[in-house]
PDB file of N, CA and C in Angstrom:
ATOM      1  N   MET A   1      13.903   6.808   4.677  1.00  0.00           N
ATOM      2  CA  MET A   1      13.191   6.564   3.438  1.00  0.00           C
ATOM      3  C   MET A   1      11.701   6.428   3.745  1.00  0.00           C
ATOM      4  N   HIS A   2      10.893   6.921   2.826  1.00  0.00           N
ATOM      5  CA  HIS A   2       9.436   6.825   2.937  1.00  0.00           C
ATOM      6  C   HIS A   2       8.926   6.008   1.754  1.00  0.00           C
ATOM      7  N   TYR A   3       7.974   5.142   2.023  1.00  0.00           N
ATOM      8  CA  TYR A   3       7.477   4.224   1.002  1.00  0.00           C
ATOM      9  C   TYR A   3       5.981   4.412   0.791  1.00  0.00           C
ATOM     10  N   VAL A   4       5.577   4.431  -0.465  1.00  0.00           N
ATOM     11  CA  VAL A   4       4.170   4.354  -0.846  1.00  0.00           C
ATOM     12  C   VAL A   4       4.004   2.956  -1.408  1.00  0.00           C
ATOM     13  N   TYR A   5       3.001   2.243  -0.932  1.00  0.00           N
ATOM     14  CA  TYR A   5       2.858   0.848  -1.325  1.00  0.00           C
ATOM     15  C   TYR A   5       1.419   0.519  -1.669  1.00  0.00           C
ATOM     16  N   ILE A   6       1.284  -0.518  -2.472  1.00  0.00           N
ATOM     17  CA  ILE A   6      -0.028  -1.082  -2.777  1.00  0.00           C
ATOM     18  C   ILE A   6       0.018  -2.544  -2.356  1.00  0.00           C
ATOM     19  N   LEU A   7      -0.964  -2.940  -1.583  1.00  0.00           N
ATOM     20  CA  LEU A   7      -1.089  -4.332  -1.163  1.00  0.00           C
ATOM     21  C   LEU A   7      -2.200  -4.999  -1.955  1.00  0.00           C
ATOM     22  N   GLN A   8      -2.006  -6.266  -2.248  1.00  0.00           N
ATOM     23  CA  GLN A   8      -3.088  -7.059  -2.805  1.00  0.00           C
ATOM     24  C   GLN A   8      -3.667  -7.865  -1.659  1.00  0.00           C
ATOM     25  N   CYS A   9      -4.941  -7.692  -1.431  1.00  0.00           N
ATOM     26  CA  CYS A   9      -5.619  -8.371  -0.323  1.00  0.00           C
ATOM     27  C   CYS A   9      -6.121  -9.742  -0.757  1.00  0.00           C
ATOM     28  N   SER A  10      -6.504 -10.543   0.219  1.00  0.00           N
ATOM     29  CA  SER A  10      -6.955 -11.915  -0.052  1.00  0.00           C
ATOM     30  C   SER A  10      -8.208 -11.956  -0.925  1.00  0.00           C
ATOM     31  N   ASP A  11      -9.008 -10.892  -0.926  1.00  0.00           N
ATOM     32  CA  ASP A  11     -10.209 -10.844  -1.769  1.00  0.00           C
ATOM     33  C   ASP A  11      -9.922 -10.184  -3.120  1.00  0.00           C
ATOM     34  N   ASP A  12      -8.640 -10.026  -3.447  1.00  0.00           N
ATOM     35  CA  ASP A  12      -8.154  -9.475  -4.712  1.00  0.00           C
ATOM     36  C   ASP A  12      -8.372  -7.966  -4.846  1.00  0.00           C
ATOM     37  N   THR A  13      -8.714  -7.296  -3.756  1.00  0.00           N
ATOM     38  CA  THR A  13      -8.785  -5.837  -3.794  1.00  0.00           C
ATOM     39  C   THR A  13      -7.392  -5.276  -3.529  1.00  0.00           C
ATOM     40  N   LEU A  14      -7.229  -3.987  -3.793  1.00  0.00           N
ATOM     41  CA  LEU A  14      -5.950  -3.316  -3.598  1.00  0.00           C
ATOM     42  C   LEU A  14      -6.082  -2.274  -2.495  1.00  0.00           C
ATOM     43  N   TYR A  15      -5.043  -2.162  -1.686  1.00  0.00           N
ATOM     44  CA  TYR A  15      -4.996  -1.174  -0.616  1.00  0.00           C
ATOM     45  C   TYR A  15      -3.720  -0.359  -0.779  1.00  0.00           C
ATOM     46  N   THR A  16      -3.822   0.965  -0.707  1.00  0.00           N
ATOM     47  CA  THR A  16      -2.671   1.852  -0.844  1.00  0.00           C
ATOM     48  C   THR A  16      -2.388   2.553   0.476  1.00  0.00           C
ATOM     49  N   GLY A  17      -1.103   2.637   0.833  1.00  0.00           N
ATOM     50  CA  GLY A  17      -0.702   3.315   2.053  1.00  0.00           C
ATOM     51  C   GLY A  17       0.721   3.820   1.956  1.00  0.00           C
ATOM     52  N   TRP A  18       1.229   4.377   3.059  1.00  0.00           N
ATOM     53  CA  TRP A  18       2.628   4.837   3.110  1.00  0.00           C
ATOM     54  C   TRP A  18       3.198   4.467   4.467  1.00  0.00           C
ATOM     55  N   THR A  19       4.516   4.367   4.521  1.00  0.00           N
ATOM     56  CA  THR A  19       5.196   3.988   5.756  1.00  0.00           C
ATOM     57  C   THR A  19       6.682   4.334   5.660  1.00  0.00           C
ATOM     58  N   THR A  20       7.347   4.248   6.786  1.00  0.00           N
ATOM     59  CA  THR A  20       8.807   4.395   6.792  1.00  0.00           C
ATOM     60  C   THR A  20       9.483   3.044   6.992  1.00  0.00           C
ATOM     61  N   ASP A  21       8.699   2.018   7.314  1.00  0.00           N
ATOM     62  CA  ASP A  21       9.236   0.671   7.514  1.00  0.00           C
ATOM     63  C   ASP A  21       8.302  -0.315   6.820  1.00  0.00           C
ATOM     64  N   LEU A  22       8.596  -0.599   5.583  1.00  0.00           N
ATOM     65  CA  LEU A  22       7.699  -1.397   4.745  1.00  0.00           C
ATOM     66  C   LEU A  22       7.494  -2.814   5.282  1.00  0.00           C
ATOM     67  N   GLU A  23       8.573  -3.470   5.652  1.00  0.00           N
ATOM     68  CA  GLU A  23       8.477  -4.840   6.153  1.00  0.00           C
ATOM     69  C   GLU A  23       7.589  -4.922   7.396  1.00  0.00           C
ATOM     70  N   LYS A  24       7.817  -4.011   8.323  1.00  0.00           N
ATOM     71  CA  LYS A  24       7.030  -3.982   9.565  1.00  0.00           C
ATOM     72  C   LYS A  24       5.562  -3.676   9.278  1.00  0.00           C
ATOM     73  N   ARG A  25       5.322  -2.774   8.339  1.00  0.00           N
ATOM     74  CA  ARG A  25       3.949  -2.378   8.026  1.00  0.00           C
ATOM     75  C   ARG A  25       3.163  -3.537   7.426  1.00  0.00           C
ATOM     76  N   ILE A  26       3.780  -4.266   6.516  1.00  0.00           N
ATOM     77  CA  ILE A  26       3.096  -5.419   5.918  1.00  0.00           C
ATOM     78  C   ILE A  26       2.825  -6.469   6.988  1.00  0.00           C
ATOM     79  N   LYS A  27       3.797  -6.677   7.860  1.00  0.00           N
ATOM     80  CA  LYS A  27       3.608  -7.626   8.966  1.00  0.00           C
ATOM     81  C   LYS A  27       2.429  -7.195   9.838  1.00  0.00           C
ATOM     82  N   ASN A  28       2.343  -5.909  10.146  1.00  0.00           N
ATOM     83  CA  ASN A  28       1.225  -5.397  10.945  1.00  0.00           C
ATOM     84  C   ASN A  28      -0.111  -5.627  10.249  1.00  0.00           C
ATOM     85  N   HIS A  29      -0.164  -5.373   8.943  1.00  0.00           N
ATOM     86  CA  HIS A  29      -1.402  -5.633   8.201  1.00  0.00           C
ATOM     87  C   HIS A  29      -1.794  -7.103   8.330  1.00  0.00           C
ATOM     88  N   ASN A  30      -0.840  -7.995   8.165  1.00  0.00           N
ATOM     89  CA  ASN A  30      -1.145  -9.430   8.219  1.00  0.00           C
ATOM     90  C   ASN A  30      -1.467  -9.917   9.623  1.00  0.00           C
ATOM     91  N   GLU A  31      -1.051  -9.181  10.637  1.00  0.00           N
ATOM     92  CA  GLU A  31      -1.398  -9.518  12.027  1.00  0.00           C
ATOM     93  C   GLU A  31      -2.673  -8.796  12.463  1.00  0.00           C
ATOM     94  N   LYS A  32      -3.359  -8.212  11.509  1.00  0.00           N
ATOM     95  CA  LYS A  32      -4.617  -7.486  11.721  1.00  0.00           C
ATOM     96  C   LYS A  32      -4.457  -6.297  12.655  1.00  0.00           C
ATOM     97  N   LYS A  33      -3.263  -5.696  12.642  1.00  0.00           N
ATOM     98  CA  LYS A  33      -2.971  -4.494  13.428  1.00  0.00           C
ATOM     99  C   LYS A  33      -2.838  -3.283  12.513  1.00  0.00           C
ATOM    100  N   GLY A  34      -3.034  -3.488  11.224  1.00  0.00           N
ATOM    101  CA  GLY A  34      -2.902  -2.407  10.246  1.00  0.00           C
ATOM    102  C   GLY A  34      -4.218  -1.677  10.074  1.00  0.00           C
ATOM    103  N   ALA A  35      -4.429  -1.200   8.886  1.00  0.00           N
ATOM    104  CA  ALA A  35      -5.640  -0.437   8.567  1.00  0.00           C
ATOM    105  C   ALA A  35      -6.892  -1.289   8.738  1.00  0.00           C
ATOM    106  N   LYS A  36      -7.966  -0.647   9.111  1.00  0.00           N
ATOM    107  CA  LYS A  36      -9.242  -1.332   9.294  1.00  0.00           C
ATOM    108  C   LYS A  36      -9.649  -2.079   8.017  1.00  0.00           C
ATOM    109  N   TYR A  37      -9.369  -1.476   6.866  1.00  0.00           N
ATOM    110  CA  TYR A  37      -9.735  -2.085   5.584  1.00  0.00           C
ATOM    111  C   TYR A  37      -9.100  -3.461   5.409  1.00  0.00           C
ATOM    112  N   THR A  38      -7.847  -3.609   5.794  1.00  0.00           N
ATOM    113  CA  THR A  38      -7.142  -4.870   5.541  1.00  0.00           C
ATOM    114  C   THR A  38      -7.386  -5.934   6.609  1.00  0.00           C
ATOM    115  N   ARG A  39      -7.922  -5.556   7.751  1.00  0.00           N
ATOM    116  CA  ARG A  39      -8.085  -6.515   8.861  1.00  0.00           C
ATOM    117  C   ARG A  39      -8.895  -7.745   8.485  1.00  0.00           C
ATOM    118  N   SER A  40      -9.913  -7.558   7.679  1.00  0.00           N
ATOM    119  CA  SER A  40     -10.759  -8.693   7.287  1.00  0.00           C
ATOM    120  C   SER A  40     -10.365  -9.245   5.921  1.00  0.00           C
ATOM    121  N   ARG A  41      -9.243  -8.762   5.391  1.00  0.00           N
ATOM    122  CA  ARG A  41      -8.823  -9.176   4.047  1.00  0.00           C
ATOM    123  C   ARG A  41      -7.419  -9.777   4.032  1.00  0.00           C
ATOM    124  N   THR A  42      -7.003 -10.353   5.145  1.00  0.00           N
ATOM    125  CA  THR A  42      -5.684 -10.964   5.225  1.00  0.00           C
ATOM    126  C   THR A  42      -5.739 -12.382   4.676  1.00  0.00           C
ATOM    127  N   PRO A  43      -4.632 -12.912   4.200  1.00  0.00           N
ATOM    128  CA  PRO A  43      -3.326 -12.264   4.167  1.00  0.00           C
ATOM    129  C   PRO A  43      -3.223 -11.268   3.010  1.00  0.00           C
ATOM    130  N   VAL A  44      -2.369 -10.283   3.207  1.00  0.00           N
ATOM    131  CA  VAL A  44      -2.078  -9.308   2.161  1.00  0.00           C
ATOM    132  C   VAL A  44      -0.658  -9.548   1.667  1.00  0.00           C
ATOM    133  N   SER A  45      -0.396  -9.122   0.443  1.00  0.00           N
ATOM    134  CA  SER A  45       0.964  -9.233  -0.094  1.00  0.00           C
ATOM    135  C   SER A  45       1.313  -7.948  -0.821  1.00  0.00           C
ATOM    136  N   LEU A  46       2.585  -7.641  -0.839  1.00  0.00           N
ATOM    137  CA  LEU A  46       3.045  -6.433  -1.505  1.00  0.00           C
ATOM    138  C   LEU A  46       2.857  -6.577  -3.003  1.00  0.00           C
ATOM    139  N   PHE A  47       2.171  -5.620  -3.587  1.00  0.00           N
ATOM    140  CA  PHE A  47       1.905  -5.618  -5.020  1.00  0.00           C
ATOM    141  C   PHE A  47       2.815  -4.628  -5.737  1.00  0.00           C
ATOM    142  N   TYR A  48       3.056  -3.464  -5.085  1.00  0.00           N
ATOM    143  CA  TYR A  48       3.826  -2.397  -5.727  1.00  0.00           C
ATOM    144  C   TYR A  48       4.362  -1.458  -4.654  1.00  0.00           C
ATOM    145  N   CYS A  49       5.516  -0.853  -4.931  1.00  0.00           N
ATOM    146  CA  CYS A  49       6.126   0.054  -3.962  1.00  0.00           C
ATOM    147  C   CYS A  49       6.952   1.118  -4.669  1.00  0.00           C
ATOM    148  N   GLU A  50       6.954   2.322  -4.116  1.00  0.00           N
ATOM    149  CA  GLU A  50       7.808   3.424  -4.563  1.00  0.00           C
ATOM    150  C   GLU A  50       8.505   4.006  -3.346  1.00  0.00           C
ATOM    151  N   GLU A  51       9.744   4.501  -3.532  1.00  0.00           N
ATOM    152  CA  GLU A  51      10.522   5.101  -2.447  1.00  0.00           C
ATOM    153  C   GLU A  51      10.610   6.611  -2.628  1.00  0.00           C
ATOM    154  N   TYR A  52      10.558   7.326  -1.503  1.00  0.00           N
ATOM    155  CA  TYR A  52      10.684   8.790  -1.506  1.00  0.00           C
ATOM    156  C   TYR A  52      11.616   9.224  -0.389  1.00  0.00           C
ATOM    157  N   ASP A  53      12.294  10.340  -0.618  1.00  0.00           N
ATOM    158  CA  ASP A  53      13.225  10.866   0.378  1.00  0.00           C
ATOM    159  C   ASP A  53      12.528  11.601   1.511  1.00  0.00           C
ATOM    160  N   ASN A  54      11.300  12.080   1.248  1.00  0.00           N
ATOM    161  CA  ASN A  54      10.617  12.833   2.304  1.00  0.00           C
ATOM    162  C   ASN A  54       9.139  12.467   2.384  1.00  0.00           C
ATOM    163  N   LYS A  55       8.592  12.707   3.537  1.00  0.00           N
ATOM    164  CA  LYS A  55       7.199  12.345   3.829  1.00  0.00           C
ATOM    165  C   LYS A  55       6.219  13.088   2.937  1.00  0.00           C
ATOM    166  N   SER A  56       6.477  14.353   2.687  1.00  0.00           N
ATOM    167  CA  SER A  56       5.573  15.176   1.888  1.00  0.00           C
ATOM    168  C   SER A  56       5.358  14.592   0.493  1.00  0.00           C
ATOM    169  N   ASP A  57       6.440  14.235  -0.171  1.00  0.00           N
ATOM    170  CA  ASP A  57       6.328  13.652  -1.511  1.00  0.00           C
ATOM    171  C   ASP A  57       5.604  12.314  -1.471  1.00  0.00           C
ATOM    172  N   ALA A  58       5.886  11.526  -0.456  1.00  0.00           N
ATOM    173  CA  ALA A  58       5.237  10.221  -0.320  1.00  0.00           C
ATOM    174  C   ALA A  58       3.727  10.375  -0.123  1.00  0.00           C
ATOM    175  N   LEU A  59       3.326  11.307   0.713  1.00  0.00           N
ATOM    176  CA  LEU A  59       1.890  11.508   0.965  1.00  0.00           C
ATOM    177  C   LEU A  59       1.175  12.042  -0.272  1.00  0.00           C
ATOM    178  N   LYS A  60       1.842  12.904  -1.025  1.00  0.00           N
ATOM    179  CA  LYS A  60       1.252  13.407  -2.280  1.00  0.00           C
ATOM    180  C   LYS A  60       1.033  12.263  -3.256  1.00  0.00           C
ATOM    181  N   ARG A  61       2.033  11.396  -3.382  1.00  0.00           N
ATOM    182  CA  ARG A  61       1.920  10.267  -4.307  1.00  0.00           C
ATOM    183  C   ARG A  61       0.862   9.274  -3.834  1.00  0.00           C
ATOM    184  N   GLU A  62       0.789   9.051  -2.538  1.00  0.00           N
ATOM    185  CA  GLU A  62      -0.240   8.157  -2.002  1.00  0.00           C
ATOM    186  C   GLU A  62      -1.626   8.675  -2.394  1.00  0.00           C
ATOM    187  N   ALA A  63      -1.838   9.967  -2.246  1.00  0.00           N
ATOM    188  CA  ALA A  63      -3.134  10.558  -2.603  1.00  0.00           C
ATOM    189  C   ALA A  63      -3.422  10.392  -4.093  1.00  0.00           C
ATOM    190  N   GLU A  64      -2.401  10.576  -4.928  1.00  0.00           N
ATOM    191  CA  GLU A  64      -2.573  10.394  -6.375  1.00  0.00           C
ATOM    192  C   GLU A  64      -2.993   8.958  -6.699  1.00  0.00           C
ATOM    193  N   ILE A  65      -2.293   8.015  -6.102  1.00  0.00           N
ATOM    194  CA  ILE A  65      -2.585   6.608  -6.389  1.00  0.00           C
ATOM    195  C   ILE A  65      -3.978   6.239  -5.906  1.00  0.00           C
ATOM    196  N   LYS A  66      -4.370   6.729  -4.755  1.00  0.00           N
ATOM    197  CA  LYS A  66      -5.695   6.404  -4.226  1.00  0.00           C
ATOM    198  C   LYS A  66      -6.811   6.895  -5.146  1.00  0.00           C
ATOM    199  N   LYS A  67      -6.555   7.950  -5.897  1.00  0.00           N
ATOM    200  CA  LYS A  67      -7.555   8.490  -6.830  1.00  0.00           C
ATOM    201  C   LYS A  67      -7.611   7.716  -8.144  1.00  0.00           C
ATOM    202  N   MET A  68      -6.618   6.896  -8.410  1.00  0.00           N
ATOM    203  CA  MET A  68      -6.556   6.147  -9.665  1.00  0.00           C
ATOM    204  C   MET A  68      -7.588   5.030  -9.692  1.00  0.00           C
ATOM    205  N   PRO A  69      -8.124   4.750 -10.883  1.00  0.00           N
ATOM    206  CA  PRO A  69      -8.966   3.552 -10.997  1.00  0.00           C
ATOM    207  C   PRO A  69      -8.100   2.298 -10.869  1.00  0.00           C
ATOM    208  N   ARG A  70      -8.710   1.210 -10.541  1.00  0.00           N
ATOM    209  CA  ARG A  70      -7.999  -0.054 -10.350  1.00  0.00           C
ATOM    210  C   ARG A  70      -7.133  -0.392 -11.572  1.00  0.00           C
ATOM    211  N   SER A  71      -7.643  -0.165 -12.762  1.00  0.00           N
ATOM    212  CA  SER A  71      -6.904  -0.517 -13.973  1.00  0.00           C
ATOM    213  C   SER A  71      -5.555   0.204 -14.050  1.00  0.00           C
ATOM    214  N   LYS A  72      -5.516   1.460 -13.626  1.00  0.00           N
ATOM    215  CA  LYS A  72      -4.250   2.198 -13.639  1.00  0.00           C
ATOM    216  C   LYS A  72      -3.308   1.710 -12.547  1.00  0.00           C
ATOM    217  N   LYS A  73      -3.855   1.344 -11.415  1.00  0.00           N
ATOM    218  CA  LYS A  73      -3.029   0.798 -10.328  1.00  0.00           C
ATOM    219  C   LYS A  73      -2.378  -0.506 -10.778  1.00  0.00           C
ATOM    220  N   LEU A  74      -3.126  -1.329 -11.482  1.00  0.00           N
ATOM    221  CA  LEU A  74      -2.589  -2.591 -11.969  1.00  0.00           C
ATOM    222  C   LEU A  74      -1.460  -2.355 -12.970  1.00  0.00           C
ATOM    223  N   MET A  75      -1.554  -1.306 -13.748  1.00  0.00           N
ATOM    224  CA  MET A  75      -0.512  -1.002 -14.740  1.00  0.00           C
ATOM    225  C   MET A  75       0.768  -0.489 -14.093  1.00  0.00           C
ATOM    226  N   LEU A  76       0.722   0.025 -12.884  1.00  0.00           N
ATOM    227  CA  LEU A  76       1.916   0.514 -12.205  1.00  0.00           C
ATOM    228  C   LEU A  76       2.963  -0.584 -12.041  1.00  0.00           C
ATOM    229  N   ALA A  77       2.516  -1.785 -11.804  1.00  0.00           N
ATOM    230  CA  ALA A  77       3.447  -2.881 -11.519  1.00  0.00           C
ATOM    231  C   ALA A  77       4.074  -3.468 -12.784  1.00  0.00           C
ATOM    232  N   LYS A  78       3.664  -3.005 -13.929  1.00  0.00           N
ATOM    233  CA  LYS A  78       4.215  -3.552 -15.181  1.00  0.00           C
ATOM    234  C   LYS A  78       5.472  -2.852 -15.588  1.00  0.00           C
TER     235      LYS A  78
END
């Protein structure tokens, strides 16, 4: 399974990424081993997640979400 996720950072910003192991990835972000963006914004928490059967679809969706304004990202979780 492939996951596209949005994290809420400690400064209330949102970070979007993809992974095959969601639990491990969030742990890595919180241990400051994740993306450079989140290293100074820990702790992070899972805000939203989608599952995909293949990497290609997950990466396409990640790109779509990254292009969205914050207001649309916030509406995803509703």
